[in-house]
Amino acid sequence: MPAHSLPQPSAPESSGKPAEPPGDAPPSDPDAVAAKPAREGTLFHLLIDRGWEAGPAYTADQRIRTMTSEIAATGLQPVLAELRQIRESIAGFATKAELHQELRQMRESIAGFATKAELHEELRQMRESMATKVDLEKLETNLRREMAERDVRLIKWVFGALLAQAALVVGLVTLLK
């Protein structure tokens, strides 16, 4: 993928004021074209190539970056695939209105995803409801104890039934003599 670069502005004229350090914020004057760091994504360069001014293109690129960074990890791959498709489809756009419509639809589709905070809360609740190794060991101990108690009760009933059967046989033999 070819790297796009913006033309560098000429050296500023000395006006007696100290030069402001470059930042991540777009220029305050919408007509001013300021050089942006080389880290802007392909969307920024695509918008610049389509005739957008640097400020709105930079803002759109940064907003999309912010939105995608807040998307859940499990939902990130489908969104990235959709963004790739959108980026590919943006190349064929002829007007800004079509691009605005596509961005509006993308924002609506991303709005339904959970934020990091919601996912962290869900994960915390899942961890609280999960059984730990200690819980499983206690459950195993309780099950073994209950099984032993049932075995003892079963042996008592079998022994009692055998005694009753023996008494019945002795009684019948005595009657029949």
Protein backbone atom coordinates (compact mmCIF):
# COMPACT_ATOMS: atom_id res chain seq x y z
CA MET A 1 0.00 0.00 0.00
CA PRO A 2 1.62 3.30 -1.03
CA ALA A 3 2.20 5.81 1.70
CA HIS A 4 0.56 9.19 1.10
CA SER A 5 2.17 12.30 2.41
CA LEU A 6 0.91 15.82 2.74
CA PRO A 7 2.84 18.73 1.33
CA GLN A 8 4.90 20.34 4.04
CA PRO A 9 4.03 24.00 4.73
CA SER A 10 6.72 26.58 4.14
CA ALA A 11 8.58 27.99 7.12
CA PRO A 12 6.33 30.27 9.18
CA GLU A 13 7.06 33.95 9.17
CA SER A 14 8.42 35.30 12.42
CA SER A 15 5.67 37.33 14.09
CA GLY A 16 7.34 37.74 17.45
CA LYS A 17 5.16 35.00 19.01
CA PRO A 18 6.70 31.67 19.99
CA ALA A 19 5.70 28.79 17.71
CA GLU A 20 3.06 26.46 19.15
CA PRO A 21 4.16 22.85 19.49
CA PRO A 22 2.45 20.48 17.08
CA GLY A 23 -0.38 18.48 18.65
CA ASP A 24 -3.01 15.92 17.73
CA ALA A 25 -5.78 18.52 17.52
CA PRO A 26 -6.92 19.70 14.08
CA PRO A 27 -6.17 23.31 13.16
CA SER A 28 -8.52 25.87 14.71
CA ASP A 29 -8.87 27.72 11.41
CA PRO A 30 -10.86 25.47 9.01
CA ASP A 31 -9.08 26.98 5.98
CA ALA A 32 -5.61 26.31 7.41
CA VAL A 33 -3.85 23.19 6.22
CA ALA A 34 -1.50 21.92 8.87
CA ALA A 35 0.89 19.02 8.42
CA LYS A 36 -0.27 15.99 10.36
CA PRO A 37 1.96 13.28 11.75
CA ALA A 38 2.69 10.40 9.37
CA ARG A 39 0.65 8.03 11.53
CA GLU A 40 -2.76 8.92 10.05
CA GLY A 41 -4.48 5.94 8.52
CA THR A 42 -5.53 5.23 5.01
CA LEU A 43 -8.95 6.77 5.63
CA PHE A 44 -7.30 10.14 6.31
CA HIS A 45 -5.24 9.92 3.13
CA LEU A 46 -8.22 8.69 1.14
CA LEU A 47 -10.30 11.65 2.30
CA ILE A 48 -7.47 14.05 1.44
CA ASP A 49 -7.20 12.45 -2.01
CA ARG A 50 -10.95 12.93 -2.46
CA GLY A 51 -10.65 16.65 -1.85
CA TRP A 52 -11.43 16.92 1.85
CA GLU A 53 -9.68 19.54 3.89
CA ALA A 54 -7.11 18.27 6.37
CA GLY A 55 -9.05 19.25 9.52
CA PRO A 56 -12.31 17.37 8.79
CA ALA A 57 -10.39 14.41 7.29
CA TYR A 58 -8.20 14.21 10.40
CA THR A 59 -11.26 14.49 12.68
CA ALA A 60 -13.09 11.74 10.77
CA ASP A 61 -10.03 9.49 10.94
CA GLN A 62 -9.56 10.11 14.67
CA ARG A 63 -13.26 9.59 15.46
CA ILE A 64 -13.25 6.27 13.66
CA ARG A 65 -10.08 5.27 15.53
CA THR A 66 -11.71 6.21 18.85
CA MET A 67 -14.89 4.31 18.06
CA THR A 68 -13.05 1.18 17.00
CA SER A 69 -10.81 1.21 20.07
CA GLU A 70 -13.88 1.07 22.31
CA ILE A 71 -15.42 -1.95 20.61
CA ALA A 72 -15.40 -5.28 22.37
CA ALA A 73 -12.62 -7.72 21.48
CA THR A 74 -15.04 -10.37 20.31
CA GLY A 75 -16.83 -7.87 18.11
CA LEU A 76 -13.69 -6.22 16.81
CA GLN A 77 -12.91 -8.57 13.93
CA PRO A 78 -16.33 -8.22 12.22
CA VAL A 79 -16.17 -4.46 12.62
CA LEU A 80 -12.66 -4.32 11.16
CA ALA A 81 -13.83 -6.42 8.22
CA GLU A 82 -16.76 -4.05 7.75
CA LEU A 83 -14.42 -1.06 7.97
CA ARG A 84 -12.16 -2.64 5.33
CA GLN A 85 -15.17 -3.11 3.07
CA ILE A 86 -16.26 0.46 3.72
CA ARG A 87 -12.75 1.72 3.02
CA GLU A 88 -12.75 -0.18 -0.27
CA SER A 89 -16.19 1.13 -1.14
CA ILE A 90 -15.16 4.70 -0.23
CA ALA A 91 -12.65 4.62 -3.09
CA GLY A 92 -15.56 4.69 -5.55
CA PHE A 93 -17.44 7.59 -3.93
CA ALA A 94 -17.83 10.64 -6.08
CA THR A 95 -19.39 13.10 -3.63
CA LYS A 96 -19.05 14.12 -0.01
CA ALA A 97 -22.77 13.50 0.53
CA GLU A 98 -22.32 9.79 -0.23
CA LEU A 99 -19.40 9.63 2.19
CA HIS A 100 -21.41 11.39 4.92
CA GLN A 101 -24.26 8.91 4.41
CA GLU A 102 -21.87 5.96 4.68
CA LEU A 103 -20.26 7.40 7.83
CA ARG A 104 -23.72 7.96 9.35
CA GLN A 105 -24.65 4.32 8.66
CA MET A 106 -21.35 3.13 10.11
CA ARG A 107 -21.88 5.15 13.31
CA GLU A 108 -25.36 3.67 13.66
CA SER A 109 -24.02 0.13 13.26
CA ILE A 110 -21.19 0.70 15.76
CA ALA A 111 -23.52 2.33 18.32
CA GLY A 112 -24.94 -1.07 19.29
CA PHE A 113 -21.61 -2.54 20.41
CA ALA A 114 -20.72 -2.68 24.08
CA THR A 115 -18.10 -0.33 25.46
CA LYS A 116 -15.00 -1.49 27.30
CA ALA A 117 -16.56 -0.58 30.64
CA GLU A 118 -19.66 -2.68 29.92
CA LEU A 119 -17.49 -5.62 28.89
CA HIS A 120 -15.32 -5.30 32.00
CA GLU A 121 -18.47 -5.30 34.17
CA GLU A 122 -19.83 -8.37 32.36
CA LEU A 123 -16.49 -10.14 32.78
CA ARG A 124 -16.41 -9.25 36.49
CA GLN A 125 -19.93 -10.66 36.95
CA MET A 126 -18.98 -13.84 35.10
CA ARG A 127 -15.90 -14.31 37.27
CA GLU A 128 -17.97 -13.83 40.43
CA SER A 129 -20.46 -16.48 39.35
CA MET A 130 -17.83 -19.02 38.29
CA ALA A 131 -16.89 -21.91 40.59
CA THR A 132 -13.34 -21.93 41.86
CA LYS A 133 -11.16 -24.99 42.45
CA VAL A 134 -11.89 -24.73 46.19
CA ASP A 135 -15.65 -24.69 45.47
CA LEU A 136 -15.32 -27.79 43.31
CA GLU A 137 -13.29 -29.59 45.99
CA LYS A 138 -15.98 -28.78 48.59
CA LEU A 139 -18.67 -30.08 46.24
CA GLU A 140 -16.72 -33.30 45.64
CA THR A 141 -16.27 -33.81 49.40
CA ASN A 142 -19.99 -33.25 50.03
CA LEU A 143 -20.95 -35.68 47.26
CA ARG A 144 -18.63 -38.36 48.59
CA ARG A 145 -20.06 -37.92 52.13
CA GLU A 146 -23.65 -38.14 50.85
CA MET A 147 -22.84 -41.29 48.85
CA ALA A 148 -21.27 -42.91 51.94
CA GLU A 149 -24.36 -42.04 54.04
CA ARG A 150 -26.63 -43.60 51.38
CA ASP A 151 -24.50 -46.76 51.32
CA VAL A 152 -24.85 -47.09 55.12
CA ARG A 153 -28.64 -46.62 54.92
CA LEU A 154 -28.89 -49.18 52.11
CA ILE A 155 -26.90 -51.74 54.11
CA LYS A 156 -29.17 -51.15 57.14
CA TRP A 157 -32.31 -51.74 55.03
CA VAL A 158 -30.89 -54.91 53.41
CA PHE A 159 -29.85 -56.28 56.82
CA GLY A 160 -33.28 -55.46 58.25
CA ALA A 161 -35.02 -57.13 55.30
CA LEU A 162 -32.85 -60.25 55.75
CA LEU A 163 -33.74 -60.41 59.47
CA ALA A 164 -37.43 -60.04 58.65
CA GLN A 165 -37.19 -62.77 56.03
CA ALA A 166 -35.34 -65.07 58.46
CA ALA A 167 -38.00 -64.45 61.13
CA LEU A 168 -40.73 -65.26 58.61
CA VAL A 169 -39.04 -68.52 57.61
CA VAL A 170 -38.55 -69.54 61.28
CA GLY A 171 -42.21 -68.72 62.01
CA LEU A 172 -43.49 -70.77 59.08
CA VAL A 173 -41.27 -73.74 59.94
CA THR A 174 -42.56 -73.67 63.55
CA LEU A 175 -46.18 -73.56 62.43
CA LEU A 176 -45.82 -76.39 59.99
CA LYS A 177 -44.23 -78.85 62.45
